[in-house]
C-alpha atoms as a PDB file:
ATOM      1  CA  ASP A   1      82.832 -92.759 128.055  1.00  0.00           C
ATOM      2  CA  LYS A   2      86.386 -91.579 127.359  1.00  0.00           C
ATOM      3  CA  GLN A   3      85.614 -90.211 123.878  1.00  0.00           C
ATOM      4  CA  SER A   4      82.765 -88.062 125.159  1.00  0.00           C
ATOM      5  CA  ALA A   5      84.957 -86.797 128.008  1.00  0.00           C
ATOM      6  CA  ASP A   6      87.748 -85.886 125.514  1.00  0.00           C
ATOM      7  CA  GLU A   7      85.268 -84.091 123.246  1.00  0.00           C
ATOM      8  CA  ALA A   8      83.848 -82.151 126.183  1.00  0.00           C
ATOM      9  CA  ARG A   9      87.311 -81.201 127.375  1.00  0.00           C
ATOM     10  CA  VAL A  10      88.321 -79.959 123.912  1.00  0.00           C
ATOM     11  CA  ARG A  11      85.024 -78.058 123.555  1.00  0.00           C
ATOM     12  CA  THR A  12      85.743 -76.275 126.830  1.00  0.00           C
ATOM     13  CA  LEU A  13      89.346 -75.555 125.757  1.00  0.00           C
ATOM     14  CA  LEU A  14      88.211 -74.024 122.467  1.00  0.00           C
ATOM     15  CA  THR A  15      85.475 -71.999 124.157  1.00  0.00           C
ATOM     16  CA  ASN A  16      88.261 -70.325 126.169  1.00  0.00           C
ATOM     17  CA  VAL A  17      89.902 -69.032 123.005  1.00  0.00           C
ATOM     18  CA  ASP A  18      86.881 -68.462 120.748  1.00  0.00           C
ATOM     19  CA  GLU A  19      86.602 -64.882 119.487  1.00  0.00           C
ATOM     20  CA  LYS A  20      89.664 -63.803 121.515  1.00  0.00           C
ATOM     21  CA  ASN A  21      92.565 -61.653 120.318  1.00  0.00           C
ATOM     22  CA  ILE A  22      96.253 -62.395 120.593  1.00  0.00           C
ATOM     23  CA  GLN A  23      99.242 -60.410 119.403  1.00  0.00           C
ATOM     24  CA  ILE A  24     102.663 -61.494 118.200  1.00  0.00           C
ATOM     25  CA  LYS A  25     105.452 -58.973 117.816  1.00  0.00           C
ATOM     26  CA  SER A  26     108.066 -59.700 115.217  1.00  0.00           C
ATOM     27  CA  ARG A  27     110.852 -57.928 113.357  1.00  0.00           C
ATOM     28  CA  VAL A  28     109.657 -56.630 109.985  1.00  0.00           C
ATOM     29  CA  ASN A  29     111.339 -55.131 106.950  1.00  0.00           C
ATOM     30  CA  GLU A  30     110.311 -51.819 105.414  1.00  0.00           C
ATOM     31  CA  SER A  31     107.632 -53.484 103.263  1.00  0.00           C
ATOM     32  CA  GLY A  32     105.987 -55.239 106.253  1.00  0.00           C
ATOM     33  CA  GLY A  33     107.501 -58.645 105.538  1.00  0.00           C
ATOM     34  CA  LEU A  34     108.557 -60.686 108.586  1.00  0.00           C
ATOM     35  CA  PHE A  35     112.194 -61.706 109.074  1.00  0.00           C
ATOM     36  CA  GLU A  36     110.900 -65.009 110.449  1.00  0.00           C
ATOM     37  CA  ALA A  37     107.644 -66.649 109.383  1.00  0.00           C
ATOM     38  CA  ILE A  38     105.082 -67.301 112.116  1.00  0.00           C
ATOM     39  CA  ARG A  39     104.151 -70.960 112.449  1.00  0.00           C
ATOM     40  CA  GLU A  40     101.866 -73.001 114.687  1.00  0.00           C
ATOM     41  CA  ALA A  41     104.397 -73.344 117.508  1.00  0.00           C
ATOM     42  CA  LEU A  42     104.681 -69.565 117.933  1.00  0.00           C
ATOM     43  CA  ILE A  43     100.909 -69.150 117.840  1.00  0.00           C
ATOM     44  CA  VAL A  44     100.505 -71.840 120.536  1.00  0.00           C
ATOM     45  CA  THR A  45     103.055 -69.977 122.676  1.00  0.00           C
ATOM     46  CA  ALA A  46     101.184 -66.684 122.247  1.00  0.00           C
ATOM     47  CA  ILE A  47      97.875 -68.355 123.203  1.00  0.00           C
ATOM     48  CA  ARG A  48      99.499 -69.822 126.302  1.00  0.00           C
ATOM     49  CA  GLU A  49     101.092 -66.501 127.338  1.00  0.00           C
ATOM     50  CA  THR A  50      98.072 -64.316 126.578  1.00  0.00           C
ATOM     51  CA  LEU A  51      95.053 -66.485 127.292  1.00  0.00           C
ATOM     52  CA  HIS A  52      96.661 -69.065 129.629  1.00  0.00           C
ATOM     53  CA  VAL A  53      95.230 -71.970 127.581  1.00  0.00           C
ATOM     54  CA  GLU A  54      97.194 -74.946 126.238  1.00  0.00           C
ATOM     55  CA  ILE A  55      96.213 -75.721 122.664  1.00  0.00           C
ATOM     56  CA  PRO A  56      97.936 -78.542 120.764  1.00  0.00           C
ATOM     57  CA  GLU A  57      99.815 -77.326 117.654  1.00  0.00           C
ATOM     58  CA  ASP A  58      97.866 -79.620 115.377  1.00  0.00           C
ATOM     59  CA  TYR A  59      94.609 -77.830 116.335  1.00  0.00           C
ATOM     60  CA  ILE A  60      95.853 -74.632 114.609  1.00  0.00           C
ATOM     61  CA  GLU A  61      94.608 -74.516 111.003  1.00  0.00           C
ATOM     62  CA  LEU A  62      97.309 -72.592 109.141  1.00  0.00           C
ATOM     63  CA  ALA A  63      97.412 -73.124 105.372  1.00  0.00           C
ATOM     64  CA  GLU A  64     100.930 -71.620 105.254  1.00  0.00           C
ATOM     65  CA  PRO A  65     103.204 -69.747 107.635  1.00  0.00           C
ATOM     66  CA  ILE A  66     102.392 -66.080 108.145  1.00  0.00           C
ATOM     67  CA  LYS A  67     105.007 -63.881 106.434  1.00  0.00           C
ATOM     68  CA  LYS A  68     103.619 -60.352 106.752  1.00  0.00           C
ATOM     69  CA  ALA A  69     102.518 -58.069 109.547  1.00  0.00           C
ATOM     70  CA  GLY A  70      98.764 -57.586 109.757  1.00  0.00           C
ATOM     71  CA  ASN A  71      95.549 -58.992 111.209  1.00  0.00           C
ATOM     72  CA  TYR A  72      94.594 -62.620 110.685  1.00  0.00           C
ATOM     73  CA  GLU A  73      91.554 -64.715 111.554  1.00  0.00           C
ATOM     74  CA  LEU A  74      92.549 -68.267 112.511  1.00  0.00           C
ATOM     75  CA  THR A  75      90.492 -71.385 112.914  1.00  0.00           C
ATOM     76  CA  ILE A  76      91.353 -73.709 115.749  1.00  0.00           C
ATOM     77  CA  SER A  77      89.700 -77.133 115.644  1.00  0.00           C
ATOM     78  CA  GLY A  78      89.856 -80.468 117.345  1.00  0.00           C
ATOM     79  CA  LYS A  79      87.585 -83.411 118.158  1.00  0.00           C
ATOM     80  CA  GLY A  80      84.627 -81.963 116.239  1.00  0.00           C
ATOM     81  CA  SER A  81      84.808 -78.481 117.836  1.00  0.00           C
ATOM     82  CA  LYS A  82      85.954 -75.212 116.237  1.00  0.00           C
ATOM     83  CA  ALA A  83      86.943 -71.794 117.503  1.00  0.00           C
ATOM     84  CA  LYS A  84      87.876 -68.526 115.795  1.00  0.00           C
ATOM     85  CA  LEU A  85      90.905 -66.610 116.992  1.00  0.00           C
ATOM     86  CA  TYR A  86      92.079 -63.187 115.940  1.00  0.00           C
ATOM     87  CA  LEU A  87      95.880 -62.750 115.552  1.00  0.00           C
ATOM     88  CA  SER A  88      97.534 -59.375 115.166  1.00  0.00           C
ATOM     89  CA  VAL A  89     101.117 -59.489 113.934  1.00  0.00           C
ATOM     90  CA  VAL A  90     102.871 -56.230 114.639  1.00  0.00           C
ATOM     91  CA  GLY A  91     106.358 -55.033 113.825  1.00  0.00           C
ATOM     92  CA  LEU A  92     109.009 -54.292 116.426  1.00  0.00           C
END
């Protein structure tokens, strides 16, 4: 049925990003704070450019925008499946 097909498609999609690393480069101030917070849209773009996978923005679980350089562990979930993604935010 359609629901099972959607769930299988999402499971495959998330398998392609699970335990992978992506990097976003951003301008930072001297204390490591970002000039512009990183939100779901930018993370989706980085996933697309790095891993060549299209993830809907609403699959990214981000409690609040990322405002400091550093390493982050993100959860991506949809249709009952979950994946873990490692994000490195580095200063330019």
